[in-house]
Amino acid sequence: MRGGALPPTLLLAALGLALAFAPRRSWAPSLIALLAAVAICTFVGVPQKWLEGVFLCCWLSTIATAACVHLVRGIGDLGALGLSFNAGAWASVVVSLSGSRLDLLMALPWVLIAFPASWLVRRYTAIPVKVVSSWIIAIAVLAATLQLLPVTPGYLPDHME
């Protein structure tokens, strides 16, 4: 859960699922906002001591983004832009602290899950999209709470105790 590719992948997949409920006209500006945030935040120097806080914020952002599929009216144009910029920023900061730039390139295509998900939403079969989104929420909640719990015997490998 601390690898460079998994947290951004789940965040960007949650963004793709949320965009499936957004108006189609907001997809292009949202993807531009996502790429702009990635480009801006990739070159921001974040101190290594902020690693725990950055991971926590990334998981909280994943939870909030994935929960947007459960909104009654979906997300609007501004909501899609905000979620996209937020996801791009946290994904690039997490990768800059704990992974390589290739991890971000592996995670970015997961936004494209919006295409098959929107096809399901338009066919009034949004339940599978909401189930996958709920799974992402569950994983993010577990990952966020694990880092807040005190270390107990057996949690860390023996050579680190």
N, C-alpha and C. Protein backbone atom coordinates (compact mmCIF):
# COMPACT_ATOMS: atom_id res chain seq x y z
N MET A 1 0.82 -1.19 0.00
CA MET A 1 0.00 0.00 0.00
C MET A 1 0.86 1.25 0.00
N ARG A 2 2.15 1.08 0.18
CA ARG A 2 3.04 2.23 0.22
C ARG A 2 3.85 2.36 -1.06
N GLY A 3 3.58 1.52 -2.03
CA GLY A 3 4.32 1.59 -3.28
C GLY A 3 4.00 2.85 -4.06
N GLY A 4 4.81 3.12 -5.03
CA GLY A 4 4.63 4.34 -5.79
C GLY A 4 3.47 4.31 -6.76
N ALA A 5 3.06 3.13 -7.23
CA ALA A 5 2.04 3.08 -8.28
C ALA A 5 0.63 2.83 -7.74
N LEU A 6 0.48 2.10 -6.65
CA LEU A 6 -0.86 1.71 -6.21
C LEU A 6 -1.73 2.88 -5.73
N PRO A 7 -1.27 3.75 -4.84
CA PRO A 7 -2.15 4.85 -4.41
C PRO A 7 -2.60 5.76 -5.56
N PRO A 8 -1.69 6.19 -6.45
CA PRO A 8 -2.17 7.01 -7.57
C PRO A 8 -3.10 6.25 -8.51
N THR A 9 -2.86 4.95 -8.69
CA THR A 9 -3.72 4.17 -9.57
C THR A 9 -5.14 4.12 -9.03
N LEU A 10 -5.29 3.85 -7.74
CA LEU A 10 -6.62 3.82 -7.16
C LEU A 10 -7.29 5.19 -7.18
N LEU A 11 -6.51 6.24 -6.95
CA LEU A 11 -7.06 7.59 -6.99
C LEU A 11 -7.54 7.95 -8.40
N LEU A 12 -6.74 7.63 -9.39
CA LEU A 12 -7.12 7.97 -10.77
C LEU A 12 -8.24 7.07 -11.29
N ALA A 13 -8.31 5.83 -10.82
CA ALA A 13 -9.45 4.98 -11.18
C ALA A 13 -10.73 5.53 -10.55
N ALA A 14 -10.63 6.00 -9.31
CA ALA A 14 -11.80 6.62 -8.67
C ALA A 14 -12.23 7.87 -9.42
N LEU A 15 -11.27 8.63 -9.92
CA LEU A 15 -11.60 9.81 -10.72
C LEU A 15 -12.32 9.40 -12.00
N GLY A 16 -11.85 8.36 -12.66
CA GLY A 16 -12.50 7.90 -13.88
C GLY A 16 -13.93 7.45 -13.62
N LEU A 17 -14.15 6.77 -12.49
CA LEU A 17 -15.51 6.35 -12.15
C LEU A 17 -16.40 7.54 -11.84
N ALA A 18 -15.84 8.55 -11.17
CA ALA A 18 -16.63 9.75 -10.87
C ALA A 18 -16.95 10.52 -12.15
N LEU A 19 -16.00 10.57 -13.10
CA LEU A 19 -16.25 11.27 -14.36
C LEU A 19 -17.34 10.58 -15.19
N ALA A 20 -17.57 9.31 -14.95
CA ALA A 20 -18.63 8.61 -15.67
C ALA A 20 -20.00 9.20 -15.35
N PHE A 21 -20.12 9.84 -14.19
CA PHE A 21 -21.39 10.46 -13.79
C PHE A 21 -21.42 11.95 -14.10
N ALA A 22 -20.35 12.48 -14.67
CA ALA A 22 -20.27 13.89 -15.03
C ALA A 22 -20.77 14.10 -16.45
N PRO A 23 -21.17 15.33 -16.77
CA PRO A 23 -21.56 15.60 -18.17
C PRO A 23 -20.38 15.39 -19.11
N ARG A 24 -20.66 14.90 -20.29
CA ARG A 24 -19.59 14.63 -21.27
C ARG A 24 -18.79 15.88 -21.63
N ARG A 25 -19.45 17.03 -21.62
CA ARG A 25 -18.77 18.27 -22.00
C ARG A 25 -17.66 18.64 -21.01
N SER A 26 -17.69 18.06 -19.82
CA SER A 26 -16.67 18.38 -18.82
C SER A 26 -15.48 17.44 -18.86
N TRP A 27 -15.52 16.42 -19.69
CA TRP A 27 -14.42 15.46 -19.72
C TRP A 27 -13.12 16.06 -20.23
N ALA A 28 -13.15 16.74 -21.34
CA ALA A 28 -11.92 17.31 -21.92
C ALA A 28 -11.30 18.34 -20.98
N PRO A 29 -12.07 19.32 -20.45
CA PRO A 29 -11.45 20.24 -19.50
C PRO A 29 -10.93 19.55 -18.24
N SER A 30 -11.61 18.49 -17.82
CA SER A 30 -11.16 17.76 -16.63
C SER A 30 -9.83 17.05 -16.88
N LEU A 31 -9.69 16.44 -18.04
CA LEU A 31 -8.42 15.77 -18.35
C LEU A 31 -7.30 16.78 -18.52
N ILE A 32 -7.61 17.95 -19.05
CA ILE A 32 -6.60 19.01 -19.15
C ILE A 32 -6.19 19.47 -17.75
N ALA A 33 -7.17 19.63 -16.86
CA ALA A 33 -6.86 20.02 -15.47
C ALA A 33 -6.02 18.95 -14.78
N LEU A 34 -6.32 17.69 -15.04
CA LEU A 34 -5.54 16.59 -14.47
C LEU A 34 -4.09 16.66 -14.93
N LEU A 35 -3.89 16.81 -16.23
CA LEU A 35 -2.53 16.87 -16.76
C LEU A 35 -1.80 18.12 -16.30
N ALA A 36 -2.53 19.23 -16.16
CA ALA A 36 -1.90 20.47 -15.65
C ALA A 36 -1.44 20.28 -14.21
N ALA A 37 -2.26 19.66 -13.39
CA ALA A 37 -1.88 19.42 -12.00
C ALA A 37 -0.69 18.49 -11.91
N VAL A 38 -0.67 17.46 -12.75
CA VAL A 38 0.47 16.54 -12.75
C VAL A 38 1.74 17.29 -13.16
N ALA A 39 1.64 18.12 -14.19
CA ALA A 39 2.82 18.87 -14.65
C ALA A 39 3.31 19.86 -13.60
N ILE A 40 2.39 20.52 -12.93
CA ILE A 40 2.78 21.51 -11.92
C ILE A 40 3.37 20.84 -10.69
N CYS A 41 2.68 19.85 -10.18
CA CYS A 41 3.08 19.24 -8.90
C CYS A 41 4.24 18.26 -9.02
N THR A 42 4.58 17.87 -10.22
CA THR A 42 5.72 16.99 -10.39
C THR A 42 7.02 17.70 -10.03
N PHE A 43 7.05 18.99 -10.26
CA PHE A 43 8.29 19.74 -10.02
C PHE A 43 8.29 20.49 -8.71
N VAL A 44 7.25 20.32 -7.90
CA VAL A 44 7.22 20.95 -6.58
C VAL A 44 8.02 20.09 -5.62
N GLY A 45 8.94 20.69 -4.93
CA GLY A 45 9.76 19.95 -3.97
C GLY A 45 9.03 19.77 -2.66
N VAL A 46 8.65 18.55 -2.35
CA VAL A 46 7.96 18.24 -1.09
C VAL A 46 8.97 17.53 -0.18
N PRO A 47 9.13 18.01 1.04
CA PRO A 47 10.08 17.37 1.96
C PRO A 47 9.69 15.92 2.26
N GLN A 48 10.68 15.09 2.41
CA GLN A 48 10.46 13.66 2.69
C GLN A 48 9.76 13.45 4.03
N LYS A 49 9.91 14.37 4.96
CA LYS A 49 9.28 14.20 6.28
C LYS A 49 7.76 14.34 6.21
N TRP A 50 7.22 14.81 5.11
CA TRP A 50 5.77 14.94 4.92
C TRP A 50 5.15 13.67 4.35
N LEU A 51 5.92 12.61 4.22
CA LEU A 51 5.47 11.39 3.56
C LEU A 51 4.18 10.83 4.15
N GLU A 52 4.11 10.72 5.47
CA GLU A 52 2.92 10.16 6.12
C GLU A 52 1.69 11.02 5.85
N GLY A 53 1.84 12.33 5.96
CA GLY A 53 0.72 13.23 5.70
C GLY A 53 0.27 13.22 4.26
N VAL A 54 1.22 13.10 3.34
CA VAL A 54 0.88 13.05 1.92
C VAL A 54 0.11 11.77 1.61
N PHE A 55 0.54 10.64 2.16
CA PHE A 55 -0.19 9.40 1.95
C PHE A 55 -1.60 9.48 2.53
N LEU A 56 -1.72 10.05 3.72
CA LEU A 56 -3.04 10.18 4.33
C LEU A 56 -3.95 11.06 3.47
N CYS A 57 -3.44 12.17 2.99
CA CYS A 57 -4.24 13.05 2.13
C CYS A 57 -4.59 12.38 0.81
N CYS A 58 -3.70 11.59 0.28
CA CYS A 58 -3.99 10.87 -0.96
C CYS A 58 -5.12 9.87 -0.74
N TRP A 59 -5.08 9.14 0.38
CA TRP A 59 -6.15 8.17 0.65
C TRP A 59 -7.46 8.88 0.93
N LEU A 60 -7.43 10.01 1.65
CA LEU A 60 -8.67 10.76 1.90
C LEU A 60 -9.24 11.32 0.60
N SER A 61 -8.38 11.75 -0.27
CA SER A 61 -8.82 12.23 -1.58
C SER A 61 -9.42 11.10 -2.41
N THR A 62 -8.85 9.91 -2.30
CA THR A 62 -9.39 8.75 -2.99
C THR A 62 -10.79 8.42 -2.47
N ILE A 63 -10.97 8.48 -1.16
CA ILE A 63 -12.28 8.21 -0.57
C ILE A 63 -13.31 9.23 -1.05
N ALA A 64 -12.95 10.50 -1.01
CA ALA A 64 -13.89 11.55 -1.42
C ALA A 64 -14.23 11.46 -2.91
N THR A 65 -13.23 11.17 -3.72
CA THR A 65 -13.46 11.08 -5.16
C THR A 65 -14.33 9.88 -5.50
N ALA A 66 -14.04 8.74 -4.89
CA ALA A 66 -14.84 7.54 -5.17
C ALA A 66 -16.25 7.68 -4.63
N ALA A 67 -16.44 8.43 -3.56
CA ALA A 67 -17.78 8.60 -2.99
C ALA A 67 -18.67 9.46 -3.87
N CYS A 68 -18.10 10.21 -4.79
CA CYS A 68 -18.89 11.09 -5.66
C CYS A 68 -19.83 10.31 -6.59
N VAL A 69 -19.58 9.04 -6.80
CA VAL A 69 -20.49 8.27 -7.65
C VAL A 69 -21.82 8.03 -6.96
N HIS A 70 -21.87 8.22 -5.67
CA HIS A 70 -23.09 7.99 -4.92
C HIS A 70 -23.94 9.25 -4.79
N LEU A 71 -23.49 10.37 -5.36
CA LEU A 71 -24.30 11.59 -5.35
C LEU A 71 -25.52 11.39 -6.24
N VAL A 72 -26.62 11.94 -5.84
CA VAL A 72 -27.87 11.73 -6.57
C VAL A 72 -27.79 12.29 -7.99
N ARG A 73 -27.27 13.47 -8.14
CA ARG A 73 -27.20 14.12 -9.45
C ARG A 73 -25.83 14.02 -10.11
N GLY A 74 -24.93 13.25 -9.54
CA GLY A 74 -23.58 13.16 -10.10
C GLY A 74 -22.79 14.42 -9.79
N ILE A 75 -21.69 14.58 -10.47
CA ILE A 75 -20.88 15.78 -10.28
C ILE A 75 -21.08 16.69 -11.48
N GLY A 76 -21.01 17.98 -11.23
CA GLY A 76 -21.17 18.95 -12.30
C GLY A 76 -19.85 19.26 -12.97
N ASP A 77 -19.87 20.28 -13.80
CA ASP A 77 -18.67 20.68 -14.53
C ASP A 77 -17.56 21.14 -13.59
N LEU A 78 -17.89 22.01 -12.64
CA LEU A 78 -16.87 22.50 -11.71
C LEU A 78 -16.39 21.40 -10.77
N GLY A 79 -17.29 20.52 -10.38
CA GLY A 79 -16.89 19.39 -9.55
C GLY A 79 -15.91 18.48 -10.26
N ALA A 80 -16.16 18.25 -11.54
CA ALA A 80 -15.25 17.41 -12.33
C ALA A 80 -13.88 18.07 -12.45
N LEU A 81 -13.85 19.38 -12.66
CA LEU A 81 -12.57 20.09 -12.75
C LEU A 81 -11.81 20.02 -11.42
N GLY A 82 -12.53 20.26 -10.33
CA GLY A 82 -11.90 20.23 -9.01
C GLY A 82 -11.36 18.86 -8.64
N LEU A 83 -12.16 17.84 -8.90
CA LEU A 83 -11.70 16.48 -8.61
C LEU A 83 -10.50 16.10 -9.46
N SER A 84 -10.50 16.52 -10.71
CA SER A 84 -9.38 16.19 -11.60
C SER A 84 -8.09 16.87 -11.17
N PHE A 85 -8.17 18.14 -10.83
CA PHE A 85 -6.97 18.85 -10.40
C PHE A 85 -6.46 18.26 -9.08
N ASN A 86 -7.38 17.97 -8.17
CA ASN A 86 -7.02 17.38 -6.88
C ASN A 86 -6.34 16.02 -7.07
N ALA A 87 -6.92 15.19 -7.91
CA ALA A 87 -6.35 13.85 -8.14
C ALA A 87 -4.97 13.95 -8.78
N GLY A 88 -4.82 14.82 -9.74
CA GLY A 88 -3.51 14.99 -10.38
C GLY A 88 -2.45 15.48 -9.41
N ALA A 89 -2.85 16.40 -8.54
CA ALA A 89 -1.89 16.94 -7.57
C ALA A 89 -1.43 15.86 -6.59
N TRP A 90 -2.38 15.15 -5.97
CA TRP A 90 -1.98 14.15 -4.98
C TRP A 90 -1.26 12.97 -5.62
N ALA A 91 -1.67 12.58 -6.80
CA ALA A 91 -1.00 11.46 -7.47
C ALA A 91 0.46 11.81 -7.76
N SER A 92 0.71 12.99 -8.25
CA SER A 92 2.09 13.35 -8.59
C SER A 92 2.94 13.58 -7.35
N VAL A 93 2.37 14.11 -6.27
CA VAL A 93 3.15 14.32 -5.04
C VAL A 93 3.49 12.98 -4.40
N VAL A 94 2.55 12.05 -4.38
CA VAL A 94 2.84 10.72 -3.81
C VAL A 94 3.94 10.03 -4.60
N VAL A 95 3.86 10.11 -5.91
CA VAL A 95 4.87 9.45 -6.74
C VAL A 95 6.22 10.14 -6.57
N SER A 96 6.24 11.45 -6.43
CA SER A 96 7.52 12.14 -6.27
C SER A 96 8.20 11.78 -4.95
N LEU A 97 7.41 11.40 -3.93
CA LEU A 97 8.00 11.04 -2.64
C LEU A 97 8.33 9.55 -2.52
N SER A 98 7.58 8.70 -3.21
CA SER A 98 7.77 7.27 -2.93
C SER A 98 7.91 6.39 -4.15
N GLY A 99 8.07 6.95 -5.29
CA GLY A 99 8.18 6.11 -6.48
C GLY A 99 8.98 6.79 -7.58
N SER A 100 8.85 6.24 -8.77
CA SER A 100 9.53 6.83 -9.91
C SER A 100 8.48 7.44 -10.84
N ARG A 101 8.93 8.23 -11.77
CA ARG A 101 8.01 8.89 -12.71
C ARG A 101 7.26 7.85 -13.57
N LEU A 102 7.85 6.69 -13.75
CA LEU A 102 7.17 5.63 -14.51
C LEU A 102 5.93 5.15 -13.78
N ASP A 103 5.93 5.21 -12.45
CA ASP A 103 4.74 4.82 -11.69
C ASP A 103 3.57 5.72 -12.04
N LEU A 104 3.83 6.99 -12.23
CA LEU A 104 2.77 7.92 -12.61
C LEU A 104 2.27 7.64 -14.02
N LEU A 105 3.19 7.28 -14.91
CA LEU A 105 2.77 6.93 -16.27
C LEU A 105 1.95 5.64 -16.29
N MET A 106 2.21 4.73 -15.35
CA MET A 106 1.41 3.52 -15.27
C MET A 106 0.03 3.81 -14.68
N ALA A 107 -0.08 4.83 -13.83
CA ALA A 107 -1.34 5.12 -13.17
C ALA A 107 -2.28 5.98 -14.02
N LEU A 108 -1.73 6.86 -14.84
CA LEU A 108 -2.56 7.80 -15.60
C LEU A 108 -3.60 7.14 -16.52
N PRO A 109 -3.32 6.05 -17.20
CA PRO A 109 -4.35 5.47 -18.07
C PRO A 109 -5.59 4.96 -17.34
N TRP A 110 -5.54 4.80 -16.03
CA TRP A 110 -6.70 4.31 -15.30
C TRP A 110 -7.85 5.31 -15.28
N VAL A 111 -7.58 6.55 -15.64
CA VAL A 111 -8.67 7.54 -15.77
C VAL A 111 -9.60 7.14 -16.91
N LEU A 112 -9.07 6.44 -17.87
CA LEU A 112 -9.87 6.04 -19.04
C LEU A 112 -10.94 5.02 -18.71
N ILE A 113 -10.99 4.56 -17.47
CA ILE A 113 -12.09 3.68 -17.06
C ILE A 113 -13.43 4.43 -17.15
N ALA A 114 -13.35 5.74 -17.31
CA ALA A 114 -14.56 6.56 -17.46
C ALA A 114 -15.36 6.15 -18.70
N PHE A 115 -14.71 5.71 -19.75
CA PHE A 115 -15.43 5.34 -20.98
C PHE A 115 -16.34 4.13 -20.79
N PRO A 116 -15.83 2.98 -20.34
CA PRO A 116 -16.77 1.86 -20.13
C PRO A 116 -17.75 2.12 -18.98
N ALA A 117 -17.30 2.87 -17.96
CA ALA A 117 -18.20 3.16 -16.85
C ALA A 117 -19.34 4.07 -17.29
N SER A 118 -19.06 5.04 -18.13
CA SER A 118 -20.13 5.93 -18.61
C SER A 118 -21.09 5.17 -19.52
N TRP A 119 -20.58 4.20 -20.26
CA TRP A 119 -21.45 3.37 -21.09
C TRP A 119 -22.46 2.64 -20.20
N LEU A 120 -21.98 2.11 -19.07
CA LEU A 120 -22.89 1.44 -18.13
C LEU A 120 -23.88 2.42 -17.51
N VAL A 121 -23.40 3.60 -17.16
CA VAL A 121 -24.27 4.60 -16.54
C VAL A 121 -25.36 5.04 -17.51
N ARG A 122 -25.01 5.23 -18.77
CA ARG A 122 -26.02 5.64 -19.76
C ARG A 122 -27.04 4.54 -20.02
N ARG A 123 -26.72 3.28 -19.77
CA ARG A 123 -27.63 2.16 -19.97
C ARG A 123 -28.44 1.87 -18.71
N TYR A 124 -28.36 2.78 -17.73
CA TYR A 124 -29.08 2.64 -16.45
C TYR A 124 -28.68 1.39 -15.68
N THR A 125 -27.44 1.01 -15.84
CA THR A 125 -26.89 -0.10 -15.06
C THR A 125 -25.65 0.38 -14.33
N ALA A 126 -25.83 1.36 -13.47
CA ALA A 126 -24.72 1.99 -12.77
C ALA A 126 -24.28 1.20 -11.54
N ILE A 127 -24.98 0.15 -11.20
CA ILE A 127 -24.66 -0.60 -9.98
C ILE A 127 -23.23 -1.17 -10.02
N PRO A 128 -22.78 -1.77 -11.13
CA PRO A 128 -21.38 -2.26 -11.12
C PRO A 128 -20.36 -1.14 -10.91
N VAL A 129 -20.62 0.03 -11.45
CA VAL A 129 -19.71 1.17 -11.26
C VAL A 129 -19.68 1.56 -9.79
N LYS A 130 -20.83 1.56 -9.16
CA LYS A 130 -20.89 1.94 -7.75
C LYS A 130 -20.26 0.87 -6.86
N VAL A 131 -20.37 -0.39 -7.26
CA VAL A 131 -19.74 -1.46 -6.48
C VAL A 131 -18.21 -1.34 -6.55
N VAL A 132 -17.69 -1.11 -7.73
CA VAL A 132 -16.23 -0.94 -7.87
C VAL A 132 -15.77 0.28 -7.10
N SER A 133 -16.54 1.35 -7.15
CA SER A 133 -16.19 2.55 -6.40
C SER A 133 -16.22 2.29 -4.90
N SER A 134 -17.18 1.53 -4.44
CA SER A 134 -17.25 1.18 -3.01
C SER A 134 -16.06 0.31 -2.60
N TRP A 135 -15.61 -0.55 -3.49
CA TRP A 135 -14.43 -1.36 -3.22
C TRP A 135 -13.20 -0.46 -3.06
N ILE A 136 -13.08 0.54 -3.93
CA ILE A 136 -11.96 1.49 -3.83
C ILE A 136 -12.04 2.26 -2.52
N ILE A 137 -13.24 2.64 -2.10
CA ILE A 137 -13.40 3.33 -0.82
C ILE A 137 -12.94 2.43 0.32
N ALA A 138 -13.33 1.17 0.30
CA ALA A 138 -12.95 0.24 1.37
C ALA A 138 -11.43 0.08 1.44
N ILE A 139 -10.78 -0.06 0.31
CA ILE A 139 -9.32 -0.20 0.29
C ILE A 139 -8.66 1.07 0.82
N ALA A 140 -9.15 2.23 0.41
CA ALA A 140 -8.56 3.49 0.86
C ALA A 140 -8.77 3.71 2.36
N VAL A 141 -9.93 3.34 2.88
CA VAL A 141 -10.18 3.47 4.32
C VAL A 141 -9.23 2.56 5.10
N LEU A 142 -9.06 1.34 4.63
CA LEU A 142 -8.13 0.43 5.31
C LEU A 142 -6.70 0.95 5.27
N ALA A 143 -6.28 1.45 4.12
CA ALA A 143 -4.91 1.97 4.00
C ALA A 143 -4.70 3.21 4.86
N ALA A 144 -5.71 4.07 4.93
CA ALA A 144 -5.58 5.29 5.73
C ALA A 144 -5.56 4.97 7.22
N THR A 145 -6.38 4.03 7.67
CA THR A 145 -6.42 3.72 9.09
C THR A 145 -5.21 2.91 9.54
N LEU A 146 -4.63 2.11 8.65
CA LEU A 146 -3.45 1.35 9.05
C LEU A 146 -2.29 2.25 9.43
N GLN A 147 -2.16 3.37 8.75
CA GLN A 147 -1.03 4.23 9.08
C GLN A 147 -1.28 5.04 10.35
N LEU A 148 -2.52 5.08 10.82
CA LEU A 148 -2.83 5.80 12.06
C LEU A 148 -2.75 4.90 13.29
N LEU A 149 -2.81 3.59 13.08
CA LEU A 149 -2.76 2.66 14.20
C LEU A 149 -1.34 2.53 14.75
N PRO A 150 -1.22 2.28 16.05
CA PRO A 150 0.13 2.08 16.59
C PRO A 150 0.71 0.76 16.09
N VAL A 151 2.02 0.71 16.03
CA VAL A 151 2.70 -0.48 15.57
C VAL A 151 2.58 -1.56 16.63
N THR A 152 2.12 -2.73 16.20
CA THR A 152 2.00 -3.87 17.11
C THR A 152 2.94 -4.97 16.65
N PRO A 153 3.32 -5.87 17.53
CA PRO A 153 4.19 -6.97 17.11
C PRO A 153 3.55 -7.76 15.97
N GLY A 154 4.32 -8.06 14.98
CA GLY A 154 3.82 -8.80 13.84
C GLY A 154 3.39 -7.91 12.70
N TYR A 155 3.25 -6.61 12.93
CA TYR A 155 2.83 -5.70 11.88
C TYR A 155 3.98 -5.36 10.95
N LEU A 156 5.17 -5.16 11.56
CA LEU A 156 6.36 -4.87 10.77
C LEU A 156 7.18 -6.14 10.57
N PRO A 157 7.91 -6.22 9.47
CA PRO A 157 8.82 -7.38 9.31
C PRO A 157 9.83 -7.41 10.46
N ASP A 158 10.32 -8.62 10.79
CA ASP A 158 11.19 -8.80 11.94
C ASP A 158 12.45 -7.95 11.90
N HIS A 159 13.00 -7.74 10.72
CA HIS A 159 14.25 -7.01 10.66
C HIS A 159 14.04 -5.51 10.90
N MET A 160 12.80 -5.04 10.99
CA MET A 160 12.56 -3.61 11.21
C MET A 160 12.13 -3.32 12.64
N GLU A 161 11.93 -4.34 13.48
CA GLU A 161 11.46 -4.11 14.86
C GLU A 161 12.61 -3.75 15.76
